[in-house]
């Protein structure tokens, strides 16, 4: 898809490092999300533009990355609604909305304000414990 869209990229699993001329660095290796979240000023949480349940916002928040996400987050509904309500994330469902959110978060003050709000929402009110309870329940139901 990257090639079809006309972008150049380096691919991590092929041990190629990005060059200044690359548009994308495709990080397609397992077990490295802490590296990417802690390196990224802003994260778009994937899986939230289509009805697959979304992905957890806890990881980008704990590593200090601002959060942009779509509206399809049924697996973490209460958590995302709390984030949006407390300005701890930006919900964006279209390319224009995502671009607008990304541009807003290029401003360091806006980004830091959002990161602080996300950490406060997620880690100071028991949401982490609720998430762990949900995960434990889901795992137990599979056993």
N, C-alpha and C. Protein backbone atom coordinates (compact mmCIF):
# COMPACT_ATOMS: atom_id res chain seq x y z
N UNK A 1 0.83 -1.19 0.00
CA UNK A 1 0.00 0.00 0.00
C UNK A 1 0.87 1.25 0.00
N UNK A 2 1.97 1.20 0.73
CA UNK A 2 2.87 2.35 0.78
C UNK A 2 3.41 2.63 -0.62
N UNK A 3 3.87 1.58 -1.30
CA UNK A 3 4.39 1.75 -2.65
C UNK A 3 3.31 2.24 -3.61
N UNK A 4 2.11 1.64 -3.51
CA UNK A 4 1.00 2.03 -4.38
C UNK A 4 0.61 3.49 -4.20
N UNK A 5 0.77 4.00 -2.99
CA UNK A 5 0.43 5.39 -2.71
C UNK A 5 1.54 6.35 -3.15
N UNK A 6 2.65 5.79 -3.59
CA UNK A 6 3.74 6.62 -4.08
C UNK A 6 4.69 7.13 -3.01
N UNK A 7 4.67 6.51 -1.83
CA UNK A 7 5.57 6.93 -0.75
C UNK A 7 6.81 6.05 -0.75
N UNK A 8 7.89 6.60 -0.26
CA UNK A 8 9.10 5.80 -0.06
C UNK A 8 9.19 5.46 1.42
N UNK A 9 9.73 4.27 1.72
CA UNK A 9 9.81 3.91 3.13
C UNK A 9 10.97 2.97 3.41
N UNK A 10 11.38 2.98 4.66
CA UNK A 10 12.32 2.01 5.19
C UNK A 10 11.48 1.05 6.04
N UNK A 11 11.88 -0.22 6.06
CA UNK A 11 11.12 -1.25 6.77
C UNK A 11 11.98 -1.84 7.88
N UNK A 12 11.51 -1.71 9.11
CA UNK A 12 12.29 -2.14 10.27
C UNK A 12 12.63 -3.63 10.22
N UNK A 13 11.68 -4.48 9.87
CA UNK A 13 11.94 -5.93 9.85
C UNK A 13 12.95 -6.32 8.79
N UNK A 14 13.24 -5.41 7.86
CA UNK A 14 14.27 -5.66 6.84
C UNK A 14 15.59 -5.00 7.22
N UNK A 15 15.67 -4.53 8.47
CA UNK A 15 16.88 -3.89 9.00
C UNK A 15 17.34 -2.69 8.17
N UNK A 16 16.37 -1.97 7.59
CA UNK A 16 16.72 -0.74 6.87
C UNK A 16 16.39 0.45 7.76
N UNK A 17 17.30 1.37 7.83
CA UNK A 17 17.08 2.58 8.61
C UNK A 17 16.50 3.66 7.71
N UNK A 18 15.66 4.52 8.27
CA UNK A 18 15.07 5.57 7.44
C UNK A 18 16.12 6.59 7.01
N UNK A 19 15.94 7.07 5.78
CA UNK A 19 16.78 8.14 5.25
C UNK A 19 15.94 9.42 5.23
N UNK A 20 16.59 10.53 5.10
CA UNK A 20 15.88 11.82 5.06
C UNK A 20 14.87 11.84 3.91
N UNK A 21 15.13 11.08 2.87
CA UNK A 21 14.23 11.07 1.71
C UNK A 21 13.02 10.14 1.90
N UNK A 22 13.01 9.32 2.96
CA UNK A 22 11.88 8.41 3.20
C UNK A 22 10.69 9.18 3.78
N UNK A 23 9.52 8.83 3.29
CA UNK A 23 8.29 9.43 3.81
C UNK A 23 7.81 8.71 5.06
N UNK A 24 8.10 7.41 5.15
CA UNK A 24 7.53 6.56 6.20
C UNK A 24 8.61 5.61 6.72
N UNK A 25 8.58 5.38 8.02
CA UNK A 25 9.38 4.31 8.60
C UNK A 25 8.38 3.28 9.09
N UNK A 26 8.32 2.14 8.42
CA UNK A 26 7.36 1.09 8.74
C UNK A 26 7.92 0.22 9.85
N UNK A 27 7.40 0.41 11.04
CA UNK A 27 7.84 -0.36 12.22
C UNK A 27 6.94 -1.58 12.33
N UNK A 28 7.37 -2.66 11.73
CA UNK A 28 6.55 -3.86 11.63
C UNK A 28 7.12 -5.02 12.43
N UNK A 29 7.72 -4.71 13.56
CA UNK A 29 8.30 -5.74 14.42
C UNK A 29 7.51 -5.83 15.72
N UNK A 30 7.60 -6.96 16.37
CA UNK A 30 6.83 -7.22 17.58
C UNK A 30 7.59 -6.78 18.83
N UNK A 31 6.85 -6.39 19.86
CA UNK A 31 7.40 -6.14 21.17
C UNK A 31 8.11 -4.80 21.34
N UNK A 32 7.89 -3.87 20.45
CA UNK A 32 8.61 -2.61 20.51
C UNK A 32 7.72 -1.38 20.72
N UNK A 33 6.47 -1.59 21.07
CA UNK A 33 5.57 -0.45 21.22
C UNK A 33 6.06 0.58 22.25
N UNK A 34 6.66 0.16 23.37
CA UNK A 34 7.17 1.19 24.30
C UNK A 34 8.18 2.12 23.63
N UNK A 35 9.01 1.58 22.76
CA UNK A 35 9.98 2.41 22.03
C UNK A 35 9.26 3.44 21.18
N UNK A 36 8.24 3.02 20.45
CA UNK A 36 7.55 3.93 19.52
C UNK A 36 6.69 4.94 20.27
N UNK A 37 5.96 4.49 21.29
CA UNK A 37 5.13 5.42 22.05
C UNK A 37 5.99 6.48 22.75
N UNK A 38 7.11 6.06 23.33
CA UNK A 38 7.95 7.02 24.04
C UNK A 38 8.70 7.94 23.08
N UNK A 39 8.82 7.55 21.83
CA UNK A 39 9.49 8.37 20.82
C UNK A 39 8.53 9.30 20.09
N UNK A 40 7.25 9.02 20.18
CA UNK A 40 6.25 9.78 19.42
C UNK A 40 5.61 10.86 20.27
N UNK A 41 5.66 12.08 19.79
CA UNK A 41 4.98 13.17 20.49
C UNK A 41 3.47 12.97 20.44
N UNK A 42 2.99 12.41 19.33
CA UNK A 42 1.56 12.18 19.14
C UNK A 42 1.36 10.79 18.54
N UNK A 43 0.32 10.10 18.99
CA UNK A 43 -0.02 8.77 18.48
C UNK A 43 -1.45 8.76 17.96
N UNK A 44 -1.64 8.21 16.76
CA UNK A 44 -3.00 7.91 16.30
C UNK A 44 -3.24 6.46 16.68
N UNK A 45 -4.23 6.23 17.54
CA UNK A 45 -4.52 4.88 18.02
C UNK A 45 -5.37 4.17 16.96
N UNK A 46 -4.75 3.22 16.30
CA UNK A 46 -5.38 2.52 15.19
C UNK A 46 -6.50 1.59 15.67
N UNK A 47 -7.23 1.10 14.72
CA UNK A 47 -8.34 0.21 15.04
C UNK A 47 -9.56 0.96 15.52
N UNK A 48 -9.52 2.27 15.44
CA UNK A 48 -10.65 3.06 15.94
C UNK A 48 -11.42 3.75 14.82
N UNK A 49 -11.06 3.46 13.58
CA UNK A 49 -11.80 4.01 12.44
C UNK A 49 -12.74 2.98 11.84
N UNK A 50 -12.58 1.75 12.22
CA UNK A 50 -13.43 0.65 11.74
C UNK A 50 -13.92 -0.14 12.95
N UNK A 51 -15.04 -0.83 12.83
CA UNK A 51 -15.63 -1.51 14.00
C UNK A 51 -14.91 -2.80 14.40
N UNK A 52 -13.65 -2.66 14.87
CA UNK A 52 -12.92 -3.82 15.38
C UNK A 52 -12.70 -3.72 16.88
N UNK A 53 -13.18 -2.66 17.50
CA UNK A 53 -13.09 -2.53 18.95
C UNK A 53 -12.09 -1.51 19.45
N UNK A 54 -11.17 -1.09 18.58
CA UNK A 54 -10.17 -0.12 18.99
C UNK A 54 -9.05 -0.75 19.77
N UNK A 55 -8.10 0.07 20.17
CA UNK A 55 -6.95 -0.37 20.95
C UNK A 55 -6.84 0.49 22.21
N UNK A 56 -6.14 0.01 23.18
CA UNK A 56 -6.02 0.68 24.46
C UNK A 56 -5.32 2.04 24.35
N UNK A 57 -5.83 3.04 25.04
CA UNK A 57 -5.15 4.33 25.09
C UNK A 57 -4.13 4.39 26.23
N UNK A 58 -4.10 3.38 27.07
CA UNK A 58 -3.19 3.42 28.22
C UNK A 58 -1.73 3.46 27.80
N UNK A 59 -1.35 2.70 26.79
CA UNK A 59 0.06 2.65 26.40
C UNK A 59 0.59 4.00 25.91
N UNK A 60 -0.06 4.65 24.94
CA UNK A 60 0.49 5.96 24.56
C UNK A 60 0.47 6.96 25.72
N UNK A 61 -0.55 6.89 26.57
CA UNK A 61 -0.63 7.82 27.70
C UNK A 61 0.51 7.61 28.68
N UNK A 62 0.78 6.37 29.04
CA UNK A 62 1.82 6.10 30.03
C UNK A 62 3.20 6.49 29.51
N UNK A 63 3.40 6.44 28.20
CA UNK A 63 4.69 6.80 27.62
C UNK A 63 4.76 8.27 27.19
N UNK A 64 3.73 9.05 27.51
CA UNK A 64 3.77 10.49 27.28
C UNK A 64 3.52 10.92 25.85
N UNK A 65 2.69 10.19 25.14
CA UNK A 65 2.35 10.55 23.76
C UNK A 65 0.90 11.04 23.73
N UNK A 66 0.67 12.17 23.06
CA UNK A 66 -0.70 12.68 22.91
C UNK A 66 -1.50 11.69 22.06
N UNK A 67 -2.82 11.67 22.28
CA UNK A 67 -3.66 10.63 21.66
C UNK A 67 -4.70 11.23 20.73
N UNK A 68 -4.73 10.70 19.50
CA UNK A 68 -5.80 10.96 18.54
C UNK A 68 -6.41 9.59 18.24
N UNK A 69 -7.73 9.53 18.12
CA UNK A 69 -8.40 8.25 17.84
C UNK A 69 -9.71 8.50 17.12
N UNK A 70 -10.23 7.46 16.50
CA UNK A 70 -11.54 7.52 15.88
C UNK A 70 -12.64 7.20 16.88
N UNK A 71 -13.85 7.00 16.38
CA UNK A 71 -15.00 6.77 17.26
C UNK A 71 -15.37 5.30 17.45
N UNK A 72 -14.63 4.40 16.82
CA UNK A 72 -14.92 2.97 16.90
C UNK A 72 -14.03 2.32 17.97
N UNK A 73 -14.43 2.44 19.23
CA UNK A 73 -13.59 1.96 20.33
C UNK A 73 -14.41 1.17 21.34
N UNK A 74 -15.24 0.28 20.87
CA UNK A 74 -16.17 -0.43 21.75
C UNK A 74 -15.48 -1.22 22.86
N UNK A 75 -14.25 -1.67 22.64
CA UNK A 75 -13.55 -2.43 23.68
C UNK A 75 -13.11 -1.55 24.86
N UNK A 76 -13.08 -0.24 24.64
CA UNK A 76 -12.62 0.70 25.67
C UNK A 76 -13.55 1.91 25.74
N UNK A 77 -14.84 1.66 25.55
CA UNK A 77 -15.83 2.74 25.42
C UNK A 77 -15.79 3.74 26.58
N UNK A 78 -15.92 3.28 27.79
CA UNK A 78 -15.96 4.19 28.94
C UNK A 78 -14.67 4.97 29.09
N UNK A 79 -13.56 4.33 28.81
CA UNK A 79 -12.26 4.98 28.94
C UNK A 79 -12.11 6.10 27.92
N UNK A 80 -12.45 5.81 26.65
CA UNK A 80 -12.33 6.85 25.62
C UNK A 80 -13.31 7.99 25.86
N UNK A 81 -14.52 7.67 26.28
CA UNK A 81 -15.49 8.73 26.56
C UNK A 81 -14.98 9.64 27.67
N UNK A 82 -14.35 9.06 28.66
CA UNK A 82 -13.77 9.84 29.75
C UNK A 82 -12.63 10.71 29.23
N UNK A 83 -11.78 10.14 28.39
CA UNK A 83 -10.68 10.92 27.81
C UNK A 83 -11.20 12.11 27.02
N UNK A 84 -12.16 11.87 26.14
CA UNK A 84 -12.71 12.95 25.31
C UNK A 84 -13.34 14.02 26.20
N UNK A 85 -14.11 13.60 27.18
CA UNK A 85 -14.79 14.53 28.09
C UNK A 85 -13.80 15.41 28.85
N UNK A 86 -12.65 14.86 29.19
CA UNK A 86 -11.64 15.58 29.98
C UNK A 86 -10.51 16.17 29.13
N UNK A 87 -10.71 16.23 27.81
CA UNK A 87 -9.70 16.76 26.88
C UNK A 87 -8.38 16.00 26.95
N UNK A 88 -8.47 14.71 27.25
CA UNK A 88 -7.29 13.87 27.32
C UNK A 88 -6.98 13.17 26.01
N UNK A 89 -7.81 13.39 25.01
CA UNK A 89 -7.58 12.84 23.67
C UNK A 89 -8.41 13.66 22.69
N UNK A 90 -8.14 13.44 21.42
CA UNK A 90 -8.93 14.08 20.37
C UNK A 90 -9.53 13.00 19.50
N UNK A 91 -10.84 13.02 19.37
CA UNK A 91 -11.53 12.08 18.49
C UNK A 91 -11.59 12.69 17.10
N UNK A 92 -11.16 11.92 16.11
CA UNK A 92 -11.14 12.38 14.72
C UNK A 92 -11.48 11.19 13.82
N UNK A 93 -12.47 11.35 12.96
CA UNK A 93 -12.92 10.23 12.13
C UNK A 93 -12.65 10.37 10.65
N UNK A 94 -12.27 11.55 10.21
CA UNK A 94 -12.00 11.76 8.79
C UNK A 94 -10.55 12.20 8.61
N UNK A 95 -10.06 12.13 7.40
CA UNK A 95 -8.69 12.56 7.12
C UNK A 95 -8.51 14.03 7.52
N UNK A 96 -9.49 14.86 7.21
CA UNK A 96 -9.39 16.28 7.57
C UNK A 96 -9.36 16.48 9.08
N UNK A 97 -10.20 15.74 9.81
CA UNK A 97 -10.22 15.86 11.27
C UNK A 97 -8.90 15.37 11.88
N UNK A 98 -8.36 14.29 11.34
CA UNK A 98 -7.09 13.77 11.85
C UNK A 98 -5.97 14.78 11.59
N UNK A 99 -5.95 15.35 10.39
CA UNK A 99 -4.94 16.36 10.06
C UNK A 99 -5.06 17.57 10.97
N UNK A 100 -6.28 18.03 11.22
CA UNK A 100 -6.51 19.19 12.09
C UNK A 100 -6.02 18.89 13.51
N UNK A 101 -6.34 17.70 14.00
CA UNK A 101 -5.91 17.30 15.34
C UNK A 101 -4.39 17.23 15.40
N UNK A 102 -3.78 16.65 14.39
CA UNK A 102 -2.33 16.50 14.36
C UNK A 102 -1.65 17.87 14.37
N UNK A 103 -2.18 18.79 13.57
CA UNK A 103 -1.62 20.15 13.52
C UNK A 103 -1.77 20.83 14.88
N UNK A 104 -2.93 20.66 15.51
CA UNK A 104 -3.13 21.25 16.83
C UNK A 104 -2.07 20.74 17.81
N UNK A 105 -1.78 19.44 17.75
CA UNK A 105 -0.86 18.83 18.70
C UNK A 105 0.61 19.05 18.35
N UNK A 106 0.87 19.72 17.23
CA UNK A 106 2.24 20.14 16.94
C UNK A 106 2.68 21.24 17.91
N UNK A 107 1.69 21.96 18.43
CA UNK A 107 1.96 23.00 19.42
C UNK A 107 2.29 22.32 20.75
N UNK A 108 3.49 22.57 21.27
CA UNK A 108 3.95 21.88 22.48
C UNK A 108 3.04 22.12 23.68
N UNK A 109 2.53 23.33 23.85
CA UNK A 109 1.64 23.61 24.98
C UNK A 109 0.34 22.82 24.87
N UNK A 110 -0.24 22.79 23.68
CA UNK A 110 -1.48 22.02 23.47
C UNK A 110 -1.24 20.54 23.74
N UNK A 111 -0.13 20.05 23.22
CA UNK A 111 0.20 18.63 23.38
C UNK A 111 0.43 18.30 24.86
N UNK A 112 1.21 19.10 25.55
CA UNK A 112 1.49 18.82 26.96
C UNK A 112 0.23 18.91 27.82
N UNK A 113 -0.65 19.85 27.50
CA UNK A 113 -1.92 19.96 28.22
C UNK A 113 -2.76 18.70 28.02
N UNK A 114 -2.81 18.21 26.78
CA UNK A 114 -3.58 17.01 26.50
C UNK A 114 -2.96 15.79 27.18
N UNK A 115 -1.65 15.66 27.16
CA UNK A 115 -0.98 14.52 27.80
C UNK A 115 -1.26 14.52 29.30
N UNK A 116 -1.17 15.69 29.93
CA UNK A 116 -1.46 15.77 31.37
C UNK A 116 -2.90 15.38 31.67
N UNK A 117 -3.82 15.83 30.82
CA UNK A 117 -5.24 15.49 31.01
C UNK A 117 -5.48 13.99 30.83
N UNK A 118 -4.79 13.39 29.87
CA UNK A 118 -4.98 11.94 29.65
C UNK A 118 -4.45 11.15 30.84
N UNK A 119 -3.29 11.54 31.35
CA UNK A 119 -2.73 10.83 32.51
C UNK A 119 -3.63 10.99 33.73
N UNK A 120 -4.15 12.18 33.92
CA UNK A 120 -5.05 12.41 35.06
C UNK A 120 -6.31 11.56 34.92
N UNK A 121 -6.88 11.53 33.71
CA UNK A 121 -8.10 10.75 33.47
C UNK A 121 -7.88 9.26 33.65
N UNK A 122 -6.76 8.78 33.17
CA UNK A 122 -6.53 7.33 33.15
C UNK A 122 -5.92 6.76 34.42
N UNK A 123 -5.13 7.55 35.12
CA UNK A 123 -4.35 6.97 36.19
C UNK A 123 -4.67 7.49 37.58
N UNK A 124 -5.57 8.46 37.70
CA UNK A 124 -5.87 9.00 39.02
C UNK A 124 -7.29 8.75 39.48
N UNK A 125 -8.00 7.88 38.75
CA UNK A 125 -9.39 7.66 39.17
C UNK A 125 -9.80 6.19 39.12
N UNK A 126 -8.85 5.28 39.05
CA UNK A 126 -9.18 3.87 39.08
C UNK A 126 -9.47 3.25 37.73
N UNK A 127 -9.36 4.01 36.64
CA UNK A 127 -9.65 3.45 35.32
C UNK A 127 -8.69 2.31 34.98
N UNK A 128 -7.45 2.44 35.43
CA UNK A 128 -6.47 1.39 35.18
C UNK A 128 -6.92 0.08 35.84
N UNK A 129 -7.37 0.16 37.08
CA UNK A 129 -7.85 -1.03 37.77
C UNK A 129 -9.07 -1.63 37.09
N UNK A 130 -9.97 -0.77 36.61
CA UNK A 130 -11.15 -1.26 35.90
C UNK A 130 -10.75 -1.98 34.62
N UNK A 131 -9.77 -1.42 33.90
CA UNK A 131 -9.31 -2.07 32.67
C UNK A 131 -8.70 -3.43 32.99
N UNK A 132 -7.87 -3.50 34.02
CA UNK A 132 -7.26 -4.77 34.40
C UNK A 132 -8.33 -5.79 34.80
N UNK A 133 -9.37 -5.35 35.49
CA UNK A 133 -10.47 -6.24 35.83
C UNK A 133 -11.15 -6.77 34.57
N UNK A 134 -11.37 -5.89 33.59
CA UNK A 134 -12.00 -6.31 32.33
C UNK A 134 -11.14 -7.33 31.60
N UNK A 135 -9.83 -7.08 31.54
CA UNK A 135 -8.92 -8.01 30.87
C UNK A 135 -8.93 -9.35 31.59
N UNK A 136 -8.85 -9.32 32.91
CA UNK A 136 -8.87 -10.56 33.69
C UNK A 136 -10.15 -11.34 33.44
N UNK A 137 -11.29 -10.64 33.41
CA UNK A 137 -12.57 -11.28 33.15
C UNK A 137 -12.58 -11.94 31.77
N UNK A 138 -12.11 -11.21 30.75
CA UNK A 138 -12.10 -11.75 29.39
C UNK A 138 -11.18 -12.95 29.27
N UNK A 139 -10.01 -12.89 29.89
CA UNK A 139 -9.09 -14.02 29.85
C UNK A 139 -9.71 -15.22 30.58
N UNK A 140 -10.29 -14.99 31.74
CA UNK A 140 -10.91 -16.07 32.51
C UNK A 140 -12.03 -16.74 31.73
N UNK A 141 -12.77 -15.95 30.96
CA UNK A 141 -13.89 -16.52 30.20
C UNK A 141 -13.40 -17.42 29.06
N UNK A 142 -12.13 -17.27 28.67
CA UNK A 142 -11.57 -18.11 27.61
C UNK A 142 -11.00 -19.41 28.14
N UNK A 143 -10.79 -19.47 29.44
CA UNK A 143 -10.16 -20.67 30.03
C UNK A 143 -11.17 -21.76 30.31
